[in-house]
Amino acid sequence: MSIKDRFKMVMDREKLTAGAFAESIGVAQATISHILGPRNKYPSTEVILRLHQRYNDINLEWLLTGQGNMSNNPDSPENDGFDYPLFAENPENLTNGLDETENRTEIALETSSKTPKEIVKQEIIYKERPPREITEIRIFFDDNTYETFKPEN
């Protein structure tokens, strides 16, 4: 169980939305969204402490590691649940203590046949342009005026 799941359990217990939960512990809604979102951003120590200060019956060890009971109150209905530590073995993936090596066969990669690369020839063609002649020269001044000069033919 991740800390994200434990945050959700506290929210479910208190029957709060992410926004109301964020407001109740005094953090921005975006902070809770990042924790609960798909990127699994781990909450800062400050956020964890704010949650624990607001809901002081929450067992801090449970909140941090998943070990122990959710509530410090022994009569709390949440303590009737299960004790699921953070790094518990997944019962579906137990190895039963056997360290069996898998039989794997190596398959040789196909050798690539070296095909000759196509030779690319590059040609540069220079085209002559007809000579250009100046037809007009304009000079612009900073007072938004200009003068035009035309060559005499």
C-alpha atoms as a PDB file:
ATOM      1  CA  MET A   1       0.000   0.000   0.000  1.00  0.00           C
ATOM      2  CA  SER A   2       1.502   3.313  -1.038  1.00  0.00           C
ATOM      3  CA  ILE A   3       1.318   6.573   0.868  1.00  0.00           C
ATOM      4  CA  LYS A   4      -1.058   7.706  -1.883  1.00  0.00           C
ATOM      5  CA  ASP A   5      -3.439   4.916  -0.819  1.00  0.00           C
ATOM      6  CA  ARG A   6      -3.108   5.884   2.841  1.00  0.00           C
ATOM      7  CA  PHE A   7      -3.949   9.521   1.989  1.00  0.00           C
ATOM      8  CA  LYS A   8      -7.043   8.229   0.131  1.00  0.00           C
ATOM      9  CA  MET A   9      -8.028   6.143   3.169  1.00  0.00           C
ATOM     10  CA  VAL A  10      -7.883   9.205   5.419  1.00  0.00           C
ATOM     11  CA  MET A  11      -9.953  11.171   2.891  1.00  0.00           C
ATOM     12  CA  ASP A  12     -12.508   8.332   2.695  1.00  0.00           C
ATOM     13  CA  ARG A  13     -12.701   8.092   6.462  1.00  0.00           C
ATOM     14  CA  GLU A  14     -13.327  11.836   6.722  1.00  0.00           C
ATOM     15  CA  LYS A  15     -15.641  11.756   3.663  1.00  0.00           C
ATOM     16  CA  LEU A  16     -13.750  14.640   2.015  1.00  0.00           C
ATOM     17  CA  THR A  17     -13.001  15.493  -1.590  1.00  0.00           C
ATOM     18  CA  ALA A  18      -9.413  16.291  -2.558  1.00  0.00           C
ATOM     19  CA  GLY A  19     -10.157  20.022  -2.432  1.00  0.00           C
ATOM     20  CA  ALA A  20     -11.857  19.874   0.977  1.00  0.00           C
ATOM     21  CA  PHE A  21      -9.096  17.637   2.321  1.00  0.00           C
ATOM     22  CA  ALA A  22      -6.413  20.052   1.085  1.00  0.00           C
ATOM     23  CA  GLU A  23      -8.242  22.953   2.723  1.00  0.00           C
ATOM     24  CA  SER A  24      -8.640  21.015   5.991  1.00  0.00           C
ATOM     25  CA  ILE A  25      -4.880  20.453   6.332  1.00  0.00           C
ATOM     26  CA  GLY A  26      -3.946  23.880   4.966  1.00  0.00           C
ATOM     27  CA  VAL A  27      -2.251  23.024   1.673  1.00  0.00           C
ATOM     28  CA  ALA A  28      -3.024  23.894  -1.934  1.00  0.00           C
ATOM     29  CA  GLN A  29      -5.397  21.610  -3.805  1.00  0.00           C
ATOM     30  CA  ALA A  30      -2.689  21.098  -6.449  1.00  0.00           C
ATOM     31  CA  THR A  31      -0.460  19.568  -3.760  1.00  0.00           C
ATOM     32  CA  ILE A  32      -3.030  16.865  -3.028  1.00  0.00           C
ATOM     33  CA  SER A  33      -3.681  16.382  -6.758  1.00  0.00           C
ATOM     34  CA  HIS A  34       0.045  15.737  -7.320  1.00  0.00           C
ATOM     35  CA  ILE A  35       0.123  13.205  -4.487  1.00  0.00           C
ATOM     36  CA  LEU A  36      -2.993  11.380  -5.694  1.00  0.00           C
ATOM     37  CA  GLY A  37      -2.186  11.714  -9.395  1.00  0.00           C
ATOM     38  CA  PRO A  38      -0.582   9.162 -11.710  1.00  0.00           C
ATOM     39  CA  ARG A  39       2.944  10.501 -11.230  1.00  0.00           C
ATOM     40  CA  ASN A  40       2.937   9.399  -7.572  1.00  0.00           C
ATOM     41  CA  LYS A  41       4.732  12.422  -6.208  1.00  0.00           C
ATOM     42  CA  TYR A  42       5.741  11.623  -2.639  1.00  0.00           C
ATOM     43  CA  PRO A  43       4.304  14.189  -0.203  1.00  0.00           C
ATOM     44  CA  SER A  44       6.690  16.523   1.561  1.00  0.00           C
ATOM     45  CA  THR A  45       7.366  16.160   5.262  1.00  0.00           C
ATOM     46  CA  GLU A  46       5.435  19.380   5.815  1.00  0.00           C
ATOM     47  CA  VAL A  47       2.296  17.956   4.163  1.00  0.00           C
ATOM     48  CA  ILE A  48       2.531  14.739   6.195  1.00  0.00           C
ATOM     49  CA  LEU A  49       2.968  16.702   9.430  1.00  0.00           C
ATOM     50  CA  ARG A  50       0.047  18.997   8.582  1.00  0.00           C
ATOM     51  CA  LEU A  51      -2.161  15.955   8.008  1.00  0.00           C
ATOM     52  CA  HIS A  52      -1.015  14.451  11.311  1.00  0.00           C
ATOM     53  CA  GLN A  53      -1.568  17.731  13.179  1.00  0.00           C
ATOM     54  CA  ARG A  54      -5.085  18.117  11.789  1.00  0.00           C
ATOM     55  CA  TYR A  55      -6.027  14.451  12.279  1.00  0.00           C
ATOM     56  CA  ASN A  56      -3.923  13.683  15.355  1.00  0.00           C
ATOM     57  CA  ASP A  57      -5.570  10.289  15.898  1.00  0.00           C
ATOM     58  CA  ILE A  58      -3.872   9.061  12.703  1.00  0.00           C
ATOM     59  CA  ASN A  59      -0.914   6.848  13.576  1.00  0.00           C
ATOM     60  CA  LEU A  60       2.156   8.592  12.122  1.00  0.00           C
ATOM     61  CA  GLU A  61       4.015   5.301  11.669  1.00  0.00           C
ATOM     62  CA  TRP A  62       1.071   3.914   9.692  1.00  0.00           C
ATOM     63  CA  LEU A  63       0.921   7.068   7.598  1.00  0.00           C
ATOM     64  CA  LEU A  64       4.641   6.911   6.779  1.00  0.00           C
ATOM     65  CA  THR A  65       5.221   3.160   6.431  1.00  0.00           C
ATOM     66  CA  GLY A  66       1.855   1.411   6.402  1.00  0.00           C
ATOM     67  CA  GLN A  67       2.771  -0.568   9.522  1.00  0.00           C
ATOM     68  CA  GLY A  68       0.507  -0.639  12.532  1.00  0.00           C
ATOM     69  CA  ASN A  69      -3.042   0.597  12.790  1.00  0.00           C
ATOM     70  CA  MET A  70      -4.501   3.589  10.995  1.00  0.00           C
ATOM     71  CA  SER A  71      -5.720   5.155  14.215  1.00  0.00           C
ATOM     72  CA  ASN A  72      -3.947   5.640  17.548  1.00  0.00           C
ATOM     73  CA  ASN A  73      -7.338   5.142  19.202  1.00  0.00           C
ATOM     74  CA  PRO A  74      -7.607   1.398  20.046  1.00  0.00           C
ATOM     75  CA  ASP A  75     -11.424   1.514  19.869  1.00  0.00           C
ATOM     76  CA  SER A  76     -11.431   2.978  16.372  1.00  0.00           C
ATOM     77  CA  PRO A  77     -13.259   0.881  13.713  1.00  0.00           C
ATOM     78  CA  GLU A  78     -10.345   1.432  11.300  1.00  0.00           C
ATOM     79  CA  ASN A  79      -8.156  -0.749  13.511  1.00  0.00           C
ATOM     80  CA  ASP A  80     -10.295  -3.787  12.733  1.00  0.00           C
ATOM     81  CA  GLY A  81      -8.764  -3.795   9.262  1.00  0.00           C
ATOM     82  CA  PHE A  82      -5.501  -5.406   8.306  1.00  0.00           C
ATOM     83  CA  ASP A  83      -1.880  -4.569   8.991  1.00  0.00           C
ATOM     84  CA  TYR A  84      -0.244  -4.221   5.603  1.00  0.00           C
ATOM     85  CA  PRO A  85       3.362  -2.992   5.769  1.00  0.00           C
ATOM     86  CA  LEU A  86       4.777  -0.891   2.978  1.00  0.00           C
ATOM     87  CA  PHE A  87       7.328  -3.491   1.872  1.00  0.00           C
ATOM     88  CA  ALA A  88       5.221  -6.613   2.367  1.00  0.00           C
ATOM     89  CA  GLU A  89       5.597  -9.507  -0.010  1.00  0.00           C
ATOM     90  CA  ASN A  90       2.934  -9.684  -2.651  1.00  0.00           C
ATOM     91  CA  PRO A  91       1.197 -13.035  -2.023  1.00  0.00           C
ATOM     92  CA  GLU A  92       0.739 -13.559  -5.744  1.00  0.00           C
ATOM     93  CA  ASN A  93       4.486 -13.309  -6.366  1.00  0.00           C
ATOM     94  CA  LEU A  94       5.913 -15.315  -3.468  1.00  0.00           C
ATOM     95  CA  THR A  95       8.925 -17.414  -4.426  1.00  0.00           C
ATOM     96  CA  ASN A  96       8.406 -20.011  -1.653  1.00  0.00           C
ATOM     97  CA  GLY A  97      12.095 -19.745  -0.827  1.00  0.00           C
ATOM     98  CA  LEU A  98      13.153 -21.490  -4.022  1.00  0.00           C
ATOM     99  CA  ASP A  99      15.721 -19.742  -6.097  1.00  0.00           C
ATOM    100  CA  GLU A 100      15.099 -21.435  -9.393  1.00  0.00           C
ATOM    101  CA  THR A 101      16.924 -20.204 -12.433  1.00  0.00           C
ATOM    102  CA  GLU A 102      14.954 -19.928 -15.585  1.00  0.00           C
ATOM    103  CA  ASN A 103      16.001 -21.901 -18.614  1.00  0.00           C
ATOM    104  CA  ARG A 104      16.607 -19.485 -21.389  1.00  0.00           C
ATOM    105  CA  THR A 105      18.057 -20.153 -24.769  1.00  0.00           C
ATOM    106  CA  GLU A 106      20.068 -17.661 -26.667  1.00  0.00           C
ATOM    107  CA  ILE A 107      19.007 -16.885 -30.181  1.00  0.00           C
ATOM    108  CA  ALA A 108      21.641 -15.495 -32.487  1.00  0.00           C
ATOM    109  CA  LEU A 109      20.777 -12.239 -34.153  1.00  0.00           C
ATOM    110  CA  GLU A 110      20.535 -12.271 -37.880  1.00  0.00           C
ATOM    111  CA  THR A 111      23.621 -10.855 -39.463  1.00  0.00           C
ATOM    112  CA  SER A 112      22.742  -7.971 -41.634  1.00  0.00           C
ATOM    113  CA  SER A 113      23.726  -8.422 -45.214  1.00  0.00           C
ATOM    114  CA  LYS A 114      25.866  -5.519 -46.216  1.00  0.00           C
ATOM    115  CA  THR A 115      24.182  -3.943 -49.152  1.00  0.00           C
ATOM    116  CA  PRO A 116      26.147  -1.359 -51.043  1.00  0.00           C
ATOM    117  CA  LYS A 117      24.944   2.129 -50.389  1.00  0.00           C
ATOM    118  CA  GLU A 118      23.595   4.072 -53.287  1.00  0.00           C
ATOM    119  CA  ILE A 119      25.988   6.733 -54.433  1.00  0.00           C
ATOM    120  CA  VAL A 120      24.416  10.128 -54.614  1.00  0.00           C
ATOM    121  CA  LYS A 121      25.924  12.636 -57.007  1.00  0.00           C
ATOM    122  CA  GLN A 122      25.383  16.254 -56.309  1.00  0.00           C
ATOM    123  CA  GLU A 123      25.448  18.811 -59.069  1.00  0.00           C
ATOM    124  CA  ILE A 124      25.570  22.536 -58.666  1.00  0.00           C
ATOM    125  CA  ILE A 125      24.291  24.519 -61.572  1.00  0.00           C
ATOM    126  CA  TYR A 126      25.072  28.196 -61.830  1.00  0.00           C
ATOM    127  CA  LYS A 127      22.641  30.172 -63.885  1.00  0.00           C
ATOM    128  CA  GLU A 128      23.602  33.514 -65.230  1.00  0.00           C
ATOM    129  CA  ARG A 129      21.160  36.301 -64.624  1.00  0.00           C
ATOM    130  CA  PRO A 130      20.865  39.249 -66.878  1.00  0.00           C
ATOM    131  CA  PRO A 131      22.692  42.253 -65.480  1.00  0.00           C
ATOM    132  CA  ARG A 132      20.572  44.382 -63.204  1.00  0.00           C
ATOM    133  CA  GLU A 133      20.437  48.136 -63.318  1.00  0.00           C
ATOM    134  CA  ILE A 134      19.664  50.596 -60.555  1.00  0.00           C
ATOM    135  CA  THR A 135      16.415  52.377 -61.267  1.00  0.00           C
ATOM    136  CA  GLU A 136      15.925  54.362 -58.071  1.00  0.00           C
ATOM    137  CA  ILE A 137      17.577  55.112 -54.718  1.00  0.00           C
ATOM    138  CA  ARG A 138      15.602  56.390 -51.728  1.00  0.00           C
ATOM    139  CA  ILE A 139      17.059  57.845 -48.554  1.00  0.00           C
ATOM    140  CA  PHE A 140      14.795  58.048 -45.524  1.00  0.00           C
ATOM    141  CA  PHE A 141      15.368  60.651 -42.807  1.00  0.00           C
ATOM    142  CA  ASP A 142      14.417  60.602 -39.123  1.00  0.00           C
ATOM    143  CA  ASP A 143      11.784  63.325 -39.635  1.00  0.00           C
ATOM    144  CA  ASN A 144       9.773  60.874 -41.805  1.00  0.00           C
ATOM    145  CA  THR A 145      10.823  62.460 -45.093  1.00  0.00           C
ATOM    146  CA  TYR A 146      12.763  60.944 -47.926  1.00  0.00           C
ATOM    147  CA  GLU A 147      14.511  61.862 -51.148  1.00  0.00           C
ATOM    148  CA  THR A 148      14.500  59.877 -54.340  1.00  0.00           C
ATOM    149  CA  PHE A 149      17.426  59.750 -56.720  1.00  0.00           C
ATOM    150  CA  LYS A 150      17.139  58.343 -60.217  1.00  0.00           C
ATOM    151  CA  PRO A 151      20.137  57.726 -62.430  1.00  0.00           C
ATOM    152  CA  GLU A 152      20.361  59.665 -65.636  1.00  0.00           C
ATOM    153  CA  ASN A 153      20.211  57.570 -68.712  1.00  0.00           C
END
